[in-house]
Amino acid sequence: MTVITAIIVLCWAIFALYWLISSLSQKPVAEKTSFSSRIVQLLFMSFAFNFVIQSAQLYPLYIMLIPDSLVITIVSIALCVIGLMTCIWARRTLAGNWSSLPVIKKDHYLVQDGPYKFVRHPIYTGFLLMFLGTALAIGRLGDFVGFAVCFVGFWIKLRQEEALMIKCFKGNYLSYKKRVKALIPLLF
């Protein structure tokens, strides 16, 4: 196992362990999205990771797009580490309001501090940074297809979450949405 592989695997392991442990302390759910929308989200994430896993065996997914280089290695590691730190910072800021699915929690409040000052969905931003760093490190076409599928899945989930937030927080969320971009500070 190369050093870059070890660092990227470590980032994903820390992410998974932190998510598992922090999911044990959540507030009760007051309102959630439909079962079918949750299945769609699960399918998108499954397909995204499947592209990464299968891209080593299936043509044309195994075509190498990114050659190995020191610059790519540094950028890949930086994206994974920054993405991981963003995810953890956002998850800690949300505290009991966090859920893996679009829901409204009991006593839910609109979080606008921490990373939520910069983007409305920093966990997705961090996760996408980790996924992009992984795709760059591996460099195959399938990894970038997986990244695109993951992005589409998060975009669908983001829109469902925002519909719930508008329903719950009305003008407060609409004002927040006008001030703060969804995924990339000041841009998008």
N, C-alpha and C. Protein backbone atom coordinates (compact mmCIF):
# COMPACT_ATOMS: atom_id res chain seq x y z
N MET A 1 0.85 -1.18 0.00
CA MET A 1 0.00 0.00 0.00
C MET A 1 0.90 1.24 0.00
N THR A 2 0.62 2.15 -0.91
CA THR A 2 1.41 3.37 -0.98
C THR A 2 1.00 4.34 0.13
N VAL A 3 1.83 5.32 0.35
CA VAL A 3 1.54 6.32 1.39
C VAL A 3 0.26 7.07 1.05
N ILE A 4 0.09 7.46 -0.21
CA ILE A 4 -1.12 8.19 -0.60
C ILE A 4 -2.36 7.34 -0.36
N THR A 5 -2.28 6.06 -0.71
CA THR A 5 -3.42 5.16 -0.48
C THR A 5 -3.72 5.05 1.00
N ALA A 6 -2.68 4.91 1.81
CA ALA A 6 -2.87 4.79 3.26
C ALA A 6 -3.52 6.05 3.83
N ILE A 7 -3.09 7.22 3.40
CA ILE A 7 -3.67 8.46 3.91
C ILE A 7 -5.13 8.58 3.50
N ILE A 8 -5.44 8.26 2.25
CA ILE A 8 -6.82 8.37 1.77
C ILE A 8 -7.71 7.36 2.48
N VAL A 9 -7.23 6.13 2.62
CA VAL A 9 -8.01 5.11 3.35
C VAL A 9 -8.21 5.55 4.80
N LEU A 10 -7.19 6.11 5.41
CA LEU A 10 -7.31 6.60 6.79
C LEU A 10 -8.36 7.71 6.89
N CYS A 11 -8.38 8.63 5.93
CA CYS A 11 -9.40 9.69 5.92
C CYS A 11 -10.80 9.09 5.88
N TRP A 12 -11.02 8.12 4.99
CA TRP A 12 -12.34 7.49 4.88
C TRP A 12 -12.68 6.70 6.15
N ALA A 13 -11.68 6.05 6.75
CA ALA A 13 -11.93 5.29 7.98
C ALA A 13 -12.30 6.23 9.13
N ILE A 14 -11.60 7.34 9.25
CA ILE A 14 -11.93 8.33 10.28
C ILE A 14 -13.33 8.87 10.05
N PHE A 15 -13.65 9.18 8.80
CA PHE A 15 -14.98 9.67 8.46
C PHE A 15 -16.05 8.67 8.91
N ALA A 16 -15.88 7.40 8.52
CA ALA A 16 -16.87 6.37 8.84
C ALA A 16 -17.00 6.18 10.35
N LEU A 17 -15.88 6.12 11.05
CA LEU A 17 -15.91 5.94 12.50
C LEU A 17 -16.55 7.13 13.19
N TYR A 18 -16.20 8.34 12.79
CA TYR A 18 -16.79 9.53 13.39
C TYR A 18 -18.29 9.56 13.15
N TRP A 19 -18.71 9.24 11.92
CA TRP A 19 -20.15 9.25 11.61
C TRP A 19 -20.89 8.21 12.42
N LEU A 20 -20.30 7.04 12.57
CA LEU A 20 -20.93 5.98 13.35
C LEU A 20 -21.09 6.41 14.81
N ILE A 21 -20.04 6.90 15.40
CA ILE A 21 -20.09 7.29 16.81
C ILE A 21 -21.02 8.48 17.02
N SER A 22 -20.93 9.49 16.16
CA SER A 22 -21.75 10.69 16.36
C SER A 22 -23.22 10.46 16.04
N SER A 23 -23.52 9.41 15.29
CA SER A 23 -24.93 9.14 14.98
C SER A 23 -25.69 8.60 16.19
N LEU A 24 -24.98 8.26 17.24
CA LEU A 24 -25.62 7.72 18.44
C LEU A 24 -26.32 8.80 19.27
N SER A 25 -25.97 10.06 19.04
CA SER A 25 -26.59 11.14 19.82
C SER A 25 -27.32 12.10 18.88
N GLN A 26 -28.59 11.79 18.64
CA GLN A 26 -29.42 12.62 17.77
C GLN A 26 -30.75 12.92 18.45
N LYS A 27 -31.34 14.02 18.03
CA LYS A 27 -32.68 14.37 18.51
C LYS A 27 -33.72 13.53 17.76
N PRO A 28 -34.90 13.36 18.35
CA PRO A 28 -35.96 12.62 17.65
C PRO A 28 -36.41 13.35 16.38
N VAL A 29 -36.87 12.57 15.41
CA VAL A 29 -37.34 13.11 14.13
C VAL A 29 -38.77 13.59 14.27
N ALA A 30 -39.04 14.79 13.75
CA ALA A 30 -40.40 15.34 13.76
C ALA A 30 -41.07 15.16 12.39
N GLU A 31 -40.28 15.28 11.31
CA GLU A 31 -40.83 15.15 9.95
C GLU A 31 -39.73 14.65 9.03
N LYS A 32 -40.06 13.72 8.13
CA LYS A 32 -39.05 13.20 7.22
C LYS A 32 -39.58 13.11 5.80
N THR A 33 -38.66 12.88 4.87
CA THR A 33 -39.04 12.74 3.47
C THR A 33 -39.61 11.35 3.24
N SER A 34 -40.13 11.14 2.04
CA SER A 34 -40.76 9.87 1.72
C SER A 34 -39.74 8.73 1.64
N PHE A 35 -40.25 7.52 1.77
CA PHE A 35 -39.40 6.32 1.68
C PHE A 35 -38.74 6.25 0.31
N SER A 36 -39.49 6.56 -0.75
CA SER A 36 -38.93 6.47 -2.10
C SER A 36 -37.77 7.44 -2.29
N SER A 37 -37.86 8.63 -1.72
CA SER A 37 -36.75 9.58 -1.87
C SER A 37 -35.51 9.09 -1.13
N ARG A 38 -35.71 8.41 -0.02
CA ARG A 38 -34.57 7.85 0.72
C ARG A 38 -33.91 6.72 -0.07
N ILE A 39 -34.73 5.92 -0.76
CA ILE A 39 -34.19 4.83 -1.59
C ILE A 39 -33.37 5.41 -2.74
N VAL A 40 -33.88 6.47 -3.38
CA VAL A 40 -33.15 7.11 -4.47
C VAL A 40 -31.77 7.58 -3.99
N GLN A 41 -31.70 8.20 -2.82
CA GLN A 41 -30.42 8.67 -2.28
C GLN A 41 -29.47 7.50 -2.04
N LEU A 42 -29.99 6.43 -1.48
CA LEU A 42 -29.17 5.25 -1.22
C LEU A 42 -28.63 4.67 -2.53
N LEU A 43 -29.47 4.62 -3.54
CA LEU A 43 -29.04 4.09 -4.84
C LEU A 43 -27.94 4.94 -5.45
N PHE A 44 -28.08 6.26 -5.40
CA PHE A 44 -27.04 7.12 -5.96
C PHE A 44 -25.70 6.90 -5.26
N MET A 45 -25.71 6.83 -3.94
CA MET A 45 -24.45 6.63 -3.22
C MET A 45 -23.87 5.25 -3.52
N SER A 46 -24.72 4.23 -3.60
CA SER A 46 -24.26 2.88 -3.92
C SER A 46 -23.63 2.85 -5.31
N PHE A 47 -24.29 3.47 -6.28
CA PHE A 47 -23.75 3.51 -7.64
C PHE A 47 -22.42 4.28 -7.68
N ALA A 48 -22.35 5.37 -6.95
CA ALA A 48 -21.12 6.18 -6.95
C ALA A 48 -19.93 5.36 -6.47
N PHE A 49 -20.08 4.68 -5.34
CA PHE A 49 -18.98 3.87 -4.82
C PHE A 49 -18.73 2.64 -5.68
N ASN A 50 -19.78 2.10 -6.29
CA ASN A 50 -19.61 0.96 -7.18
C ASN A 50 -18.74 1.32 -8.38
N PHE A 51 -18.89 2.53 -8.91
CA PHE A 51 -18.04 2.95 -10.02
C PHE A 51 -16.57 2.96 -9.60
N VAL A 52 -16.29 3.41 -8.39
CA VAL A 52 -14.91 3.43 -7.91
C VAL A 52 -14.38 2.01 -7.76
N ILE A 53 -15.18 1.14 -7.18
CA ILE A 53 -14.75 -0.24 -6.94
C ILE A 53 -14.61 -1.02 -8.24
N GLN A 54 -15.59 -0.88 -9.13
CA GLN A 54 -15.60 -1.66 -10.37
C GLN A 54 -14.71 -1.09 -11.46
N SER A 55 -14.28 0.15 -11.32
CA SER A 55 -13.56 0.79 -12.42
C SER A 55 -12.22 0.14 -12.72
N ALA A 56 -11.71 -0.67 -11.83
CA ALA A 56 -10.45 -1.37 -12.10
C ALA A 56 -10.64 -2.53 -13.06
N GLN A 57 -11.87 -3.04 -13.19
CA GLN A 57 -12.10 -4.23 -14.01
C GLN A 57 -12.86 -3.99 -15.31
N LEU A 58 -13.64 -2.95 -15.39
CA LEU A 58 -14.55 -2.77 -16.51
C LEU A 58 -14.05 -1.72 -17.50
N TYR A 59 -13.99 -2.12 -18.78
CA TYR A 59 -13.65 -1.16 -19.82
C TYR A 59 -14.91 -0.39 -20.17
N PRO A 60 -14.91 0.88 -20.39
CA PRO A 60 -13.78 1.82 -20.42
C PRO A 60 -13.51 2.49 -19.07
N LEU A 61 -14.16 2.00 -18.01
CA LEU A 61 -14.02 2.65 -16.70
C LEU A 61 -12.59 2.62 -16.16
N TYR A 62 -11.79 1.64 -16.60
CA TYR A 62 -10.43 1.55 -16.06
C TYR A 62 -9.42 2.41 -16.83
N ILE A 63 -9.86 3.14 -17.83
CA ILE A 63 -8.96 4.02 -18.56
C ILE A 63 -8.41 5.08 -17.60
N MET A 64 -7.10 5.20 -17.59
CA MET A 64 -6.45 6.18 -16.71
C MET A 64 -6.54 7.58 -17.32
N LEU A 65 -7.09 8.52 -16.58
CA LEU A 65 -7.19 9.90 -17.04
C LEU A 65 -6.13 10.80 -16.43
N ILE A 66 -5.71 10.46 -15.23
CA ILE A 66 -4.77 11.30 -14.48
C ILE A 66 -3.48 10.50 -14.22
N PRO A 67 -2.37 10.97 -14.77
CA PRO A 67 -1.11 10.26 -14.52
C PRO A 67 -0.60 10.54 -13.10
N ASP A 68 0.17 9.60 -12.58
CA ASP A 68 0.79 9.80 -11.26
C ASP A 68 1.78 10.96 -11.33
N SER A 69 1.73 11.82 -10.34
CA SER A 69 2.73 12.89 -10.23
C SER A 69 2.71 13.38 -8.79
N LEU A 70 3.77 14.06 -8.41
CA LEU A 70 3.85 14.60 -7.05
C LEU A 70 2.76 15.64 -6.81
N VAL A 71 2.48 16.46 -7.81
CA VAL A 71 1.45 17.49 -7.67
C VAL A 71 0.08 16.84 -7.45
N ILE A 72 -0.24 15.82 -8.24
CA ILE A 72 -1.52 15.12 -8.09
C ILE A 72 -1.60 14.47 -6.71
N THR A 73 -0.52 13.88 -6.25
CA THR A 73 -0.49 13.26 -4.93
C THR A 73 -0.78 14.29 -3.84
N ILE A 74 -0.11 15.43 -3.90
CA ILE A 74 -0.31 16.48 -2.89
C ILE A 74 -1.74 17.01 -2.93
N VAL A 75 -2.25 17.28 -4.13
CA VAL A 75 -3.62 17.79 -4.28
C VAL A 75 -4.63 16.77 -3.77
N SER A 76 -4.43 15.50 -4.11
CA SER A 76 -5.35 14.43 -3.68
C SER A 76 -5.42 14.35 -2.16
N ILE A 77 -4.26 14.31 -1.54
CA ILE A 77 -4.21 14.23 -0.07
C ILE A 77 -4.84 15.48 0.55
N ALA A 78 -4.51 16.66 0.01
CA ALA A 78 -5.06 17.91 0.55
C ALA A 78 -6.58 17.91 0.45
N LEU A 79 -7.13 17.49 -0.70
CA LEU A 79 -8.59 17.46 -0.86
C LEU A 79 -9.23 16.51 0.15
N CYS A 80 -8.63 15.33 0.33
CA CYS A 80 -9.20 14.37 1.28
C CYS A 80 -9.14 14.89 2.71
N VAL A 81 -8.03 15.44 3.11
CA VAL A 81 -7.89 15.93 4.49
C VAL A 81 -8.79 17.15 4.73
N ILE A 82 -8.80 18.10 3.80
CA ILE A 82 -9.67 19.28 3.94
C ILE A 82 -11.13 18.85 3.93
N GLY A 83 -11.48 17.92 3.05
CA GLY A 83 -12.85 17.42 3.01
C GLY A 83 -13.26 16.76 4.31
N LEU A 84 -12.37 15.93 4.87
CA LEU A 84 -12.65 15.27 6.14
C LEU A 84 -12.84 16.30 7.25
N MET A 85 -11.95 17.27 7.33
CA MET A 85 -12.06 18.30 8.37
C MET A 85 -13.35 19.10 8.22
N THR A 86 -13.73 19.39 6.98
CA THR A 86 -14.98 20.12 6.74
C THR A 86 -16.18 19.31 7.19
N CYS A 87 -16.19 18.02 6.86
CA CYS A 87 -17.30 17.14 7.27
C CYS A 87 -17.43 17.09 8.79
N ILE A 88 -16.32 16.90 9.47
CA ILE A 88 -16.36 16.79 10.93
C ILE A 88 -16.77 18.13 11.57
N TRP A 89 -16.23 19.22 11.08
CA TRP A 89 -16.59 20.55 11.60
C TRP A 89 -18.09 20.79 11.42
N ALA A 90 -18.61 20.47 10.24
CA ALA A 90 -20.04 20.68 9.97
C ALA A 90 -20.90 19.76 10.83
N ARG A 91 -20.48 18.52 10.97
CA ARG A 91 -21.25 17.56 11.77
C ARG A 91 -21.29 17.98 13.23
N ARG A 92 -20.17 18.46 13.75
CA ARG A 92 -20.12 18.93 15.14
C ARG A 92 -20.98 20.18 15.32
N THR A 93 -20.99 21.05 14.33
CA THR A 93 -21.79 22.27 14.40
C THR A 93 -23.28 21.94 14.40
N LEU A 94 -23.69 20.96 13.61
CA LEU A 94 -25.10 20.57 13.57
C LEU A 94 -25.55 19.89 14.85
N ALA A 95 -24.64 19.18 15.49
CA ALA A 95 -24.95 18.45 16.73
C ALA A 95 -26.18 17.56 16.55
N GLY A 96 -27.16 17.68 17.42
CA GLY A 96 -28.34 16.81 17.38
C GLY A 96 -29.26 17.04 16.21
N ASN A 97 -29.08 18.13 15.47
CA ASN A 97 -29.91 18.38 14.29
C ASN A 97 -29.51 17.52 13.09
N TRP A 98 -28.34 16.88 13.16
CA TRP A 98 -27.86 16.11 12.02
C TRP A 98 -28.69 14.85 11.80
N SER A 99 -28.84 14.48 10.54
CA SER A 99 -29.43 13.20 10.15
C SER A 99 -28.86 12.82 8.80
N SER A 100 -28.75 11.53 8.56
CA SER A 100 -28.25 11.08 7.26
C SER A 100 -29.29 11.27 6.16
N LEU A 101 -30.53 11.46 6.56
CA LEU A 101 -31.63 11.65 5.61
C LEU A 101 -32.25 13.03 5.81
N PRO A 102 -32.89 13.57 4.78
CA PRO A 102 -33.57 14.87 4.94
C PRO A 102 -34.74 14.75 5.92
N VAL A 103 -34.58 15.36 7.09
CA VAL A 103 -35.62 15.32 8.12
C VAL A 103 -35.64 16.65 8.87
N ILE A 104 -36.73 16.87 9.58
CA ILE A 104 -36.82 17.95 10.56
C ILE A 104 -36.83 17.27 11.92
N LYS A 105 -35.94 17.72 12.81
CA LYS A 105 -35.84 17.14 14.14
C LYS A 105 -36.76 17.87 15.11
N LYS A 106 -37.06 17.21 16.20
CA LYS A 106 -37.80 17.86 17.27
C LYS A 106 -36.92 19.00 17.80
N ASP A 107 -37.51 20.17 18.02
CA ASP A 107 -36.77 21.37 18.46
C ASP A 107 -35.65 21.76 17.49
N HIS A 108 -35.89 21.53 16.21
CA HIS A 108 -34.91 21.85 15.17
C HIS A 108 -34.71 23.36 15.11
N TYR A 109 -33.50 23.78 14.92
CA TYR A 109 -33.20 25.21 14.74
C TYR A 109 -32.32 25.36 13.51
N LEU A 110 -32.36 26.53 12.91
CA LEU A 110 -31.60 26.80 11.69
C LEU A 110 -30.16 27.14 12.06
N VAL A 111 -29.25 26.28 11.65
CA VAL A 111 -27.82 26.47 11.93
C VAL A 111 -27.23 27.36 10.85
N GLN A 112 -26.61 28.47 11.27
CA GLN A 112 -25.99 29.39 10.32
C GLN A 112 -24.59 29.80 10.75
N ASP A 113 -24.02 29.08 11.71
CA ASP A 113 -22.67 29.41 12.15
C ASP A 113 -21.70 28.31 11.76
N GLY A 114 -20.44 28.45 12.18
CA GLY A 114 -19.43 27.47 11.80
C GLY A 114 -19.29 27.44 10.28
N PRO A 115 -19.17 26.27 9.69
CA PRO A 115 -19.03 26.19 8.24
C PRO A 115 -20.30 26.60 7.50
N TYR A 116 -21.42 26.64 8.22
CA TYR A 116 -22.70 27.02 7.62
C TYR A 116 -22.75 28.52 7.32
N LYS A 117 -21.76 29.27 7.75
CA LYS A 117 -21.63 30.68 7.35
C LYS A 117 -21.14 30.79 5.91
N PHE A 118 -20.45 29.74 5.44
CA PHE A 118 -19.80 29.78 4.13
C PHE A 118 -20.59 29.04 3.05
N VAL A 119 -21.19 27.91 3.40
CA VAL A 119 -22.03 27.14 2.48
C VAL A 119 -23.19 26.54 3.26
N ARG A 120 -24.30 26.32 2.57
CA ARG A 120 -25.48 25.77 3.25
C ARG A 120 -25.36 24.27 3.51
N HIS A 121 -24.52 23.58 2.76
CA HIS A 121 -24.41 22.12 2.89
C HIS A 121 -22.93 21.71 2.98
N PRO A 122 -22.24 22.12 4.05
CA PRO A 122 -20.80 21.85 4.13
C PRO A 122 -20.44 20.37 4.26
N ILE A 123 -21.33 19.55 4.78
CA ILE A 123 -21.02 18.12 4.84
C ILE A 123 -20.91 17.57 3.42
N TYR A 124 -21.82 17.97 2.55
CA TYR A 124 -21.75 17.52 1.16
C TYR A 124 -20.50 18.07 0.48
N THR A 125 -20.17 19.31 0.77
CA THR A 125 -18.95 19.90 0.21
C THR A 125 -17.74 19.09 0.63
N GLY A 126 -17.64 18.80 1.92
CA GLY A 126 -16.51 18.02 2.43
C GLY A 126 -16.45 16.62 1.85
N PHE A 127 -17.61 15.97 1.77
CA PHE A 127 -17.67 14.61 1.22
C PHE A 127 -17.25 14.63 -0.24
N LEU A 128 -17.74 15.60 -1.00
CA LEU A 128 -17.37 15.70 -2.42
C LEU A 128 -15.88 15.99 -2.58
N LEU A 129 -15.31 16.79 -1.69
CA LEU A 129 -13.86 17.02 -1.73
C LEU A 129 -13.10 15.72 -1.48
N MET A 130 -13.56 14.93 -0.52
CA MET A 130 -12.91 13.64 -0.25
C MET A 130 -13.04 12.72 -1.46
N PHE A 131 -14.21 12.69 -2.06
CA PHE A 131 -14.44 11.82 -3.22
C PHE A 131 -13.58 12.27 -4.39
N LEU A 132 -13.50 13.58 -4.62
CA LEU A 132 -12.68 14.10 -5.71
C LEU A 132 -11.20 13.80 -5.46
N GLY A 133 -10.74 13.97 -4.23
CA GLY A 133 -9.36 13.64 -3.90
C GLY A 133 -9.06 12.17 -4.15
N THR A 134 -10.01 11.31 -3.80
CA THR A 134 -9.85 9.88 -4.05
C THR A 134 -9.81 9.60 -5.55
N ALA A 135 -10.71 10.21 -6.31
CA ALA A 135 -10.75 10.02 -7.76
C ALA A 135 -9.44 10.49 -8.41
N LEU A 136 -8.93 11.62 -7.97
CA LEU A 136 -7.65 12.11 -8.51
C LEU A 136 -6.51 11.15 -8.19
N ALA A 137 -6.50 10.63 -6.97
CA ALA A 137 -5.43 9.72 -6.56
C ALA A 137 -5.45 8.44 -7.38
N ILE A 138 -6.64 7.91 -7.64
CA ILE A 138 -6.74 6.68 -8.42
C ILE A 138 -6.59 6.99 -9.90
N GLY A 139 -7.28 8.02 -10.36
CA GLY A 139 -7.08 8.53 -11.71
C GLY A 139 -7.84 7.88 -12.84
N ARG A 140 -8.71 6.92 -12.54
CA ARG A 140 -9.43 6.22 -13.61
C ARG A 140 -10.73 6.93 -13.98
N LEU A 141 -11.19 6.72 -15.19
CA LEU A 141 -12.44 7.29 -15.68
C LEU A 141 -13.59 6.95 -14.74
N GLY A 142 -13.67 5.70 -14.31
CA GLY A 142 -14.76 5.25 -13.44
C GLY A 142 -14.84 6.01 -12.13
N ASP A 143 -13.69 6.44 -11.63
CA ASP A 143 -13.68 7.20 -10.38
C ASP A 143 -14.33 8.57 -10.56
N PHE A 144 -14.10 9.17 -11.71
CA PHE A 144 -14.71 10.48 -12.00
C PHE A 144 -16.19 10.34 -12.33
N VAL A 145 -16.57 9.22 -12.95
CA VAL A 145 -17.99 8.95 -13.17
C VAL A 145 -18.67 8.78 -11.80
N GLY A 146 -18.01 8.05 -10.90
CA GLY A 146 -18.54 7.89 -9.55
C GLY A 146 -18.70 9.22 -8.84
N PHE A 147 -17.72 10.11 -9.00
CA PHE A 147 -17.81 11.45 -8.41
C PHE A 147 -19.03 12.20 -8.97
N ALA A 148 -19.24 12.12 -10.28
CA ALA A 148 -20.38 12.80 -10.90
C ALA A 148 -21.71 12.23 -10.39
N VAL A 149 -21.78 10.91 -10.25
CA VAL A 149 -23.00 10.27 -9.72
C VAL A 149 -23.23 10.72 -8.28
N CYS A 150 -22.17 10.77 -7.49
CA CYS A 150 -22.27 11.23 -6.10
C CYS A 150 -22.77 12.67 -6.05
N PHE A 151 -22.24 13.52 -6.93
CA PHE A 151 -22.68 14.92 -6.97
C PHE A 151 -24.17 15.01 -7.28
N VAL A 152 -24.63 14.26 -8.27
CA VAL A 152 -26.05 14.28 -8.64
C VAL A 152 -26.90 13.80 -7.46
N GLY A 153 -26.46 12.74 -6.79
CA GLY A 153 -27.19 12.23 -5.63
C GLY A 153 -27.29 13.27 -4.52
N PHE A 154 -26.18 13.96 -4.25
CA PHE A 154 -26.21 15.01 -3.24
C PHE A 154 -27.08 16.18 -3.68
N TRP A 155 -27.07 16.50 -4.97
CA TRP A 155 -27.90 17.61 -5.45
C TRP A 155 -29.38 17.30 -5.24
N ILE A 156 -29.77 16.06 -5.52
CA ILE A 156 -31.17 15.65 -5.29
C ILE A 156 -31.50 15.74 -3.80
N LYS A 157 -30.62 15.22 -2.97
CA LYS A 157 -30.84 15.24 -1.52
C LYS A 157 -30.87 16.68 -1.00
N LEU A 158 -29.99 17.51 -1.50
CA LEU A 158 -29.92 18.91 -1.10
C LEU A 158 -31.25 19.62 -1.39
N ARG A 159 -31.81 19.36 -2.55
CA ARG A 159 -33.08 20.00 -2.91
C ARG A 159 -34.22 19.53 -2.00
N GLN A 160 -34.20 18.25 -1.63
CA GLN A 160 -35.22 17.73 -0.70
C GLN A 160 -35.06 18.37 0.67
N GLU A 161 -33.82 18.47 1.13
CA GLU A 161 -33.57 19.11 2.43
C GLU A 161 -34.02 20.56 2.43
N GLU A 162 -33.73 21.25 1.35
CA GLU A 162 -34.09 22.67 1.29
C GLU A 162 -35.60 22.86 1.27
N ALA A 163 -36.32 21.95 0.63
CA ALA A 163 -37.79 22.03 0.66
C ALA A 163 -38.29 21.89 2.09
N LEU A 164 -37.70 20.96 2.86
CA LEU A 164 -38.08 20.82 4.27
C LEU A 164 -37.70 22.06 5.09
N MET A 165 -36.51 22.60 4.83
CA MET A 165 -36.06 23.78 5.57
C MET A 165 -36.96 24.99 5.29
N ILE A 166 -37.37 25.16 4.04
CA ILE A 166 -38.27 26.27 3.69
C ILE A 166 -39.62 26.08 4.37
N LYS A 167 -40.09 24.84 4.37
CA LYS A 167 -41.38 24.54 5.03
C LYS A 167 -41.30 24.83 6.53
N CYS A 168 -40.19 24.50 7.14
CA CYS A 168 -40.04 24.66 8.59
C CYS A 168 -39.68 26.10 8.99
N PHE A 169 -38.73 26.71 8.28
CA PHE A 169 -38.19 28.00 8.70
C PHE A 169 -38.65 29.18 7.83
N LYS A 170 -39.37 28.88 6.78
CA LYS A 170 -39.98 29.88 5.88
C LYS A 170 -39.01 31.00 5.49
N GLY A 171 -39.34 32.24 5.81
CA GLY A 171 -38.55 33.40 5.40
C GLY A 171 -37.12 33.39 5.92
N ASN A 172 -36.91 32.83 7.12
CA ASN A 172 -35.55 32.77 7.66
C ASN A 172 -34.64 31.95 6.75
N TYR A 173 -35.16 30.80 6.27
CA TYR A 173 -34.33 29.97 5.40
C TYR A 173 -34.16 30.63 4.04
N LEU A 174 -35.21 31.24 3.52
CA LEU A 174 -35.10 31.92 2.22
C LEU A 174 -34.07 33.04 2.28
N SER A 175 -34.03 33.77 3.38
CA SER A 175 -33.03 34.83 3.57
C SER A 175 -31.62 34.23 3.62
N TYR A 176 -31.47 33.14 4.38
CA TYR A 176 -30.19 32.44 4.47
C TYR A 176 -29.76 31.95 3.09
N LYS A 177 -30.69 31.39 2.34
CA LYS A 177 -30.41 30.86 1.01
C LYS A 177 -29.94 31.96 0.05
N LYS A 178 -30.47 33.16 0.20
CA LYS A 178 -30.03 34.29 -0.64
C LYS A 178 -28.61 34.73 -0.30
N ARG A 179 -28.24 34.63 0.97
CA ARG A 179 -26.92 35.10 1.42
C ARG A 179 -25.80 34.09 1.21
N VAL A 180 -26.13 32.80 1.33
CA VAL A 180 -25.09 31.76 1.39
C VAL A 180 -25.30 30.76 0.26
N LYS A 181 -24.23 30.46 -0.48
CA LYS A 181 -24.29 29.50 -1.60
C LYS A 181 -24.43 28.07 -1.06
N ALA A 182 -24.84 27.17 -1.94
CA ALA A 182 -25.14 25.79 -1.53
C ALA A 182 -23.88 24.98 -1.21
N LEU A 183 -22.91 24.93 -2.13
CA LEU A 183 -21.79 24.01 -1.96
C LEU A 183 -20.40 24.64 -2.04
N ILE A 184 -20.26 25.69 -2.85
CA ILE A 184 -18.95 26.33 -3.02
C ILE A 184 -19.08 27.79 -2.59
N PRO A 185 -18.32 28.21 -1.57
CA PRO A 185 -18.46 29.58 -1.08
C PRO A 185 -18.37 30.62 -2.20
N LEU A 186 -19.32 31.54 -2.18
CA LEU A 186 -19.41 32.67 -3.11
C LEU A 186 -19.70 32.30 -4.56
N LEU A 187 -19.70 31.01 -4.91
CA LEU A 187 -19.86 30.62 -6.32
C LEU A 187 -21.12 29.82 -6.61
N PHE A 188 -21.33 28.72 -5.88
CA PHE A 188 -22.39 27.78 -6.26
C PHE A 188 -23.01 27.14 -5.03
